[in-house]
Amino acid sequence: MFEKRTDLALEARELWQESPERTTRLSGVKAAKHKSEGYPITKVDILNEKGAAALGKPEGSYLTVDLTTFWQRKPDFFPRAVRAVGSELKTLLPEAGAALVIGLGNRAMTPDAVGPLALDSVLITRHLIASQPRHFSGFRPVAAFRTGVLGTTGLESAETVQALVEKLSPSVVIAIDALASRRLGRVCTTIQLSDAGIIPGSGVGNHREALNQETLGVPVIAVGVPTVVDAATLAADLIEESGGGEVDESRLRSVGLPLMVTPREIDAQVRDLAKVVGYSLNWALQDLDIEDINALLS
């Protein structure tokens, strides 16, 4: 069977439901839906090894916020998106302690720039609390770091993050990265939150060492925005939807180099969603209103 690429647990569950195994019970996976601020949210819990094997994802909770209507620019669309993502993120975070926010990816490559760009909107408070504790005692300590990519730094992201964790001893690491979706309709319209950590580069098939509690020794929350679709996966879906019959995986995979598809408006979309992610982190970590965040960032 053609293996379709996706980093979204929501889509991995859909793929299982479309597979020949769908006649059996999907053991070890629980899914539920609700809405927040008008945005649909799907939660997929992978409860055990059976569920992890079925979906090809580590055990943990995966929350997917559907921001399709975000692009309709209705009244308060941005604050509502921030509160929706921030409230779900808050359920995954420890109640107290310092946070280390990691921006994974390459700022020079737009589809891979979500992580670095999101840090532009994150309130960095660790140094302020250390130097002026009386004025900033009400804030949670937050530090941030852009890892860059192996090709320009010579360092694995996991190596630098492990060193920072050892030095700073945060209570949580929040890793932001670009992901790959199965469907174009979810590209730049969804944000996935997970307490299962992340594998940098997995969205484009360039798997590196994982960032998770096992490798870092602290909880790792992954925040991902799908910005690309694997071209072979997209072609397979289109063939199946048009009634083209069984897909020849070897033929699809052998046509030239691996290709990723991204929207024409990717520059603006990545910039806007990176800001949503940054503001959502502030909302969840610091309990600040949008107006307060604007004032502090300015």
Protein backbone atom coordinates (compact mmCIF):
# COMPACT_ATOMS: atom_id res chain seq x y z
CA MET A 1 0.00 0.00 0.00
CA PHE A 2 1.24 3.51 -0.83
CA GLU A 3 2.68 5.15 2.28
CA LYS A 4 1.41 8.72 2.53
CA ARG A 5 3.48 11.20 4.46
CA THR A 6 2.02 13.31 7.24
CA ASP A 7 3.18 14.75 10.56
CA LEU A 8 -0.38 15.26 11.83
CA ALA A 9 -1.80 12.64 14.19
CA LEU A 10 -5.26 13.63 12.97
CA GLU A 11 -4.32 12.61 9.43
CA ALA A 12 -2.49 9.47 10.57
CA ARG A 13 -5.76 8.38 12.16
CA GLU A 14 -7.62 9.15 8.92
CA LEU A 15 -5.12 7.08 6.94
CA TRP A 16 -5.61 4.13 9.29
CA GLN A 17 -9.37 4.42 8.83
CA GLU A 18 -8.85 4.25 5.05
CA SER A 19 -6.54 1.24 5.28
CA PRO A 20 -7.47 -2.46 4.99
CA GLU A 21 -7.15 -2.65 8.81
CA ARG A 22 -10.18 -0.37 9.23
CA THR A 23 -12.42 -3.44 9.67
CA THR A 24 -10.67 -4.11 12.99
CA ARG A 25 -10.89 -1.96 16.08
CA LEU A 26 -8.28 0.80 16.38
CA SER A 27 -6.88 -0.13 19.76
CA GLY A 28 -4.96 2.32 21.93
CA VAL A 29 -6.24 5.50 20.24
CA LYS A 30 -8.92 7.86 21.48
CA ALA A 31 -10.24 10.89 19.58
CA ALA A 32 -12.59 13.72 20.53
CA LYS A 33 -13.69 17.04 19.03
CA HIS A 34 -14.70 20.37 20.50
CA LYS A 35 -14.59 24.08 19.66
CA SER A 36 -12.75 26.99 21.21
CA GLU A 37 -13.35 30.61 20.22
CA GLY A 38 -15.21 29.28 17.18
CA TYR A 39 -12.27 27.20 15.92
CA PRO A 40 -12.71 23.39 15.70
CA ILE A 41 -10.21 21.33 17.69
CA THR A 42 -9.52 17.61 17.39
CA LYS A 43 -7.70 15.77 20.16
CA VAL A 44 -6.08 12.43 19.39
CA ASP A 45 -4.67 10.52 22.37
CA ILE A 46 -2.27 7.68 21.59
CA LEU A 47 -2.54 5.63 24.76
CA ASN A 48 -0.18 2.70 24.34
CA GLU A 49 2.24 0.85 22.07
CA LYS A 50 -0.57 -0.60 19.96
CA GLY A 51 -1.89 2.86 19.20
CA ALA A 52 1.60 4.15 18.48
CA ALA A 53 2.26 1.28 16.07
CA ALA A 54 -1.07 1.79 14.30
CA LEU A 55 -0.57 5.51 13.68
CA GLY A 56 3.21 5.60 13.47
CA LYS A 57 3.40 8.30 16.15
CA PRO A 58 4.80 8.28 19.71
CA GLU A 59 2.42 7.92 22.63
CA GLY A 60 0.95 11.19 23.84
CA SER A 61 -1.74 13.78 23.23
CA TYR A 62 -2.07 15.58 19.90
CA LEU A 63 -4.34 18.62 19.58
CA THR A 64 -5.05 20.02 16.13
CA VAL A 65 -6.58 23.51 15.95
CA ASP A 66 -8.39 24.12 12.65
CA LEU A 67 -7.79 27.76 11.65
CA THR A 68 -9.40 27.58 8.21
CA THR A 69 -11.73 30.48 8.99
CA PHE A 70 -8.78 32.53 10.26
CA TRP A 71 -8.12 33.54 6.66
CA GLN A 72 -11.63 34.95 6.29
CA ARG A 73 -10.47 37.82 8.52
CA LYS A 74 -13.69 38.00 10.50
CA PRO A 75 -13.93 40.33 13.55
CA ASP A 76 -11.41 39.44 16.28
CA PHE A 77 -10.05 36.55 14.18
CA PHE A 78 -6.50 37.03 15.50
CA PRO A 79 -7.27 37.35 19.25
CA ARG A 80 -9.68 34.40 19.00
CA ALA A 81 -7.01 32.28 17.32
CA VAL A 82 -4.48 33.22 20.00
CA ARG A 83 -6.88 32.34 22.80
CA ALA A 84 -7.91 29.08 21.11
CA VAL A 85 -4.34 27.88 20.59
CA GLY A 86 -3.15 29.30 23.91
CA SER A 87 -5.87 27.64 25.96
CA GLU A 88 -5.09 24.22 24.44
CA LEU A 89 -1.37 24.77 24.92
CA LYS A 90 -1.94 25.62 28.56
CA THR A 91 -3.45 22.17 29.19
CA LEU A 92 -0.11 20.61 28.18
CA LEU A 93 2.21 22.89 30.16
CA PRO A 94 3.40 22.41 33.74
CA GLU A 95 1.79 24.95 36.06
CA ALA A 96 5.04 26.67 37.03
CA GLY A 97 8.73 26.87 36.25
CA ALA A 98 10.96 28.28 33.55
CA ALA A 99 10.30 27.60 29.87
CA LEU A 100 12.86 27.22 27.10
CA VAL A 101 11.35 27.96 23.67
CA ILE A 102 13.19 26.51 20.67
CA GLY A 103 12.67 27.82 17.14
CA LEU A 104 13.56 24.97 14.80
CA GLY A 105 14.06 25.49 11.08
CA ASN A 106 15.69 27.77 8.55
CA ARG A 107 14.66 31.43 8.53
CA ALA A 108 16.05 31.82 5.00
CA MET A 109 13.62 29.22 3.61
CA THR A 110 10.02 30.43 4.00
CA PRO A 111 8.21 27.06 4.42
CA ASP A 112 10.76 26.17 7.11
CA ALA A 113 10.74 29.55 8.89
CA VAL A 114 7.82 29.09 11.29
CA GLY A 115 10.03 28.36 14.30
CA PRO A 116 12.53 31.21 13.89
CA LEU A 117 9.79 33.73 13.02
CA ALA A 118 7.58 32.73 15.96
CA LEU A 119 10.34 33.70 18.40
CA ASP A 120 10.03 37.31 17.20
CA SER A 121 6.67 37.41 19.03
CA VAL A 122 7.69 35.57 22.22
CA LEU A 123 8.23 37.59 25.40
CA ILE A 124 11.72 36.81 26.70
CA THR A 125 11.73 37.35 30.45
CA ARG A 126 14.45 35.22 32.06
CA HIS A 127 17.08 37.98 32.04
CA LEU A 128 14.60 40.61 33.24
CA ILE A 129 13.53 38.53 36.21
CA ALA A 130 17.18 37.91 37.10
CA SER A 131 18.18 41.59 36.90
CA GLN A 132 14.98 43.24 38.19
CA PRO A 133 13.12 40.67 40.31
CA ARG A 134 10.90 43.24 42.02
CA HIS A 135 9.50 44.59 38.75
CA PHE A 136 9.11 41.25 36.95
CA SER A 137 8.32 38.85 39.78
CA GLY A 138 4.88 38.17 38.31
CA PHE A 139 6.29 36.82 35.06
CA ARG A 140 7.29 33.27 34.26
CA PRO A 141 10.96 32.91 33.21
CA VAL A 142 11.19 32.36 29.45
CA ALA A 143 14.32 31.96 27.34
CA ALA A 144 14.45 31.30 23.60
CA PHE A 145 16.92 29.97 21.06
CA ARG A 146 17.01 29.55 17.28
CA THR A 147 18.90 26.37 16.48
CA GLY A 148 19.54 27.02 12.79
CA VAL A 149 20.09 23.99 10.58
CA LEU A 150 22.88 21.44 10.44
CA GLY A 151 24.07 22.64 7.03
CA THR A 152 24.83 26.16 8.28
CA THR A 153 25.82 25.51 11.91
CA GLY A 154 27.48 22.09 11.83
CA LEU A 155 25.49 21.27 14.97
CA GLU A 156 22.54 18.96 15.45
CA SER A 157 19.56 20.75 16.97
CA ALA A 158 19.41 18.10 19.68
CA GLU A 159 23.03 18.80 20.65
CA THR A 160 22.48 22.49 21.24
CA VAL A 161 19.15 22.02 22.99
CA GLN A 162 20.61 19.36 25.29
CA ALA A 163 23.40 21.75 26.29
CA LEU A 164 20.91 24.55 26.98
CA VAL A 165 18.68 22.30 29.06
CA GLU A 166 21.68 21.18 31.12
CA LYS A 167 22.66 24.81 31.74
CA LEU A 168 19.22 26.39 32.32
CA SER A 169 17.29 23.49 33.92
CA PRO A 170 13.88 24.57 32.55
CA SER A 171 10.67 22.89 33.67
CA VAL A 172 9.57 22.54 30.03
CA VAL A 173 10.93 22.85 26.50
CA ILE A 174 8.60 24.17 23.80
CA ALA A 175 9.80 23.31 20.28
CA ILE A 176 8.28 25.10 17.28
CA ASP A 177 8.72 23.68 13.80
CA ALA A 178 7.20 23.39 10.33
CA LEU A 179 5.40 20.16 9.48
CA ALA A 180 4.17 18.27 6.44
CA SER A 181 0.48 17.63 5.90
CA ARG A 182 -1.21 14.98 3.81
CA ARG A 183 -3.73 17.42 2.32
CA LEU A 184 -3.30 20.90 0.86
CA GLY A 185 -6.44 21.96 2.71
CA ARG A 186 -4.59 21.67 6.03
CA VAL A 187 -1.46 23.52 4.94
CA CYS A 188 -1.25 26.83 6.82
CA THR A 189 -4.75 26.25 8.23
CA THR A 190 -3.89 24.06 11.21
CA ILE A 191 -1.63 24.11 14.26
CA GLN A 192 -0.73 20.87 16.03
CA LEU A 193 0.21 20.80 19.71
CA SER A 194 1.66 17.70 21.31
CA ASP A 195 3.31 16.55 24.53
CA ALA A 196 5.13 13.77 22.67
CA GLY A 197 8.07 15.91 21.53
CA ILE A 198 9.27 16.34 17.97
CA ILE A 199 11.80 15.05 15.44
CA PRO A 200 13.40 18.05 13.66
CA GLY A 201 13.30 17.80 9.87
CA SER A 202 10.67 15.08 9.80
CA GLY A 203 8.33 17.24 7.73
CA VAL A 204 10.64 17.01 4.73
CA GLY A 205 11.88 13.49 5.38
CA ASN A 206 15.18 14.67 6.89
CA HIS A 207 14.84 13.02 10.29
CA ARG A 208 17.26 14.13 13.00
CA GLU A 209 17.59 13.16 16.66
CA ALA A 210 14.33 13.52 18.56
CA LEU A 211 13.61 16.24 21.09
CA ASN A 212 11.49 14.62 23.80
CA GLN A 213 11.48 13.87 27.50
CA GLU A 214 13.61 10.78 26.98
CA THR A 215 16.42 12.68 25.25
CA LEU A 216 16.24 15.96 27.21
CA GLY A 217 15.08 14.84 30.65
CA VAL A 218 12.25 17.42 30.82
CA PRO A 219 8.77 17.58 29.25
CA VAL A 220 8.83 18.69 25.61
CA ILE A 221 5.81 20.36 24.02
CA ALA A 222 5.83 20.44 20.22
CA VAL A 223 4.07 23.21 18.31
CA GLY A 224 3.88 22.55 14.57
CA VAL A 225 2.41 24.28 11.56
CA PRO A 226 2.06 22.26 8.32
CA THR A 227 3.53 24.33 5.48
CA VAL A 228 4.14 21.68 2.81
CA VAL A 229 2.65 18.55 1.25
CA ASP A 230 4.75 15.74 -0.15
CA ALA A 231 4.13 15.80 -3.92
CA ALA A 232 3.82 12.01 -4.21
CA THR A 233 1.29 11.94 -1.36
CA LEU A 234 -0.72 14.72 -3.02
CA ALA A 235 -0.62 12.93 -6.38
CA ALA A 236 -1.76 9.65 -4.79
CA ASP A 237 -4.72 11.35 -3.10
CA LEU A 238 -5.74 13.06 -6.34
CA ILE A 239 -5.52 9.78 -8.28
CA GLU A 240 -7.65 7.96 -5.70
CA GLU A 241 -10.23 10.76 -5.46
CA SER A 242 -10.63 10.81 -9.23
CA GLY A 243 -11.22 7.05 -9.33
CA GLY A 244 -7.88 6.29 -10.92
CA GLY A 245 -7.48 2.94 -9.22
CA GLU A 246 -4.51 1.53 -7.32
CA VAL A 247 -1.50 3.82 -6.92
CA ASP A 248 1.91 2.67 -8.14
CA GLU A 249 4.17 3.84 -5.31
CA SER A 250 7.46 3.00 -7.03
CA ARG A 251 6.47 5.03 -10.08
CA LEU A 252 5.38 8.06 -8.04
CA ARG A 253 8.52 7.99 -5.89
CA SER A 254 10.87 7.52 -8.85
CA VAL A 255 9.86 10.64 -10.80
CA GLY A 256 12.85 12.93 -10.24
CA LEU A 257 13.92 14.24 -6.84
CA PRO A 258 11.54 14.30 -3.85
CA LEU A 259 9.30 17.34 -4.18
CA MET A 260 7.30 19.33 -1.62
CA VAL A 261 4.31 21.48 -2.56
CA THR A 262 3.57 24.77 -0.78
CA PRO A 263 0.98 27.54 -1.35
CA ARG A 264 1.68 30.60 -3.49
CA GLU A 265 0.90 32.87 -0.50
CA ILE A 266 3.31 30.98 1.79
CA ASP A 267 5.28 34.11 2.79
CA ALA A 268 2.30 35.96 4.27
CA GLN A 269 0.73 32.82 5.71
CA VAL A 270 3.86 31.69 7.54
CA ARG A 271 4.43 35.19 8.89
CA ASP A 272 0.86 35.45 10.23
CA LEU A 273 0.76 31.96 11.73
CA ALA A 274 4.19 32.41 13.34
CA LYS A 275 2.76 35.47 15.08
CA VAL A 276 -0.26 33.45 16.24
CA VAL A 277 2.09 30.83 17.69
CA GLY A 278 4.25 33.41 19.46
CA TYR A 279 1.30 35.26 20.96
CA SER A 280 -0.32 31.96 22.00
CA LEU A 281 2.81 31.02 23.93
CA ASN A 282 2.72 34.37 25.74
CA TRP A 283 -0.98 33.93 26.50
CA ALA A 284 -0.41 30.45 27.92
CA LEU A 285 2.81 31.16 29.81
CA GLN A 286 2.18 34.65 31.17
CA ASP A 287 -1.63 34.99 31.37
CA LEU A 288 -1.52 38.28 29.46
CA ASP A 289 -4.21 39.88 27.32
CA ILE A 290 -3.48 40.61 23.66
CA GLU A 291 -3.23 44.35 24.40
CA ASP A 292 -0.63 43.70 27.13
CA ILE A 293 1.39 41.48 24.81
CA ASN A 294 1.34 44.17 22.11
CA ALA A 295 2.53 46.79 24.58
CA LEU A 296 5.36 44.64 25.95
CA LEU A 297 6.58 43.53 22.52
CA SER A 298 6.62 47.11 21.23
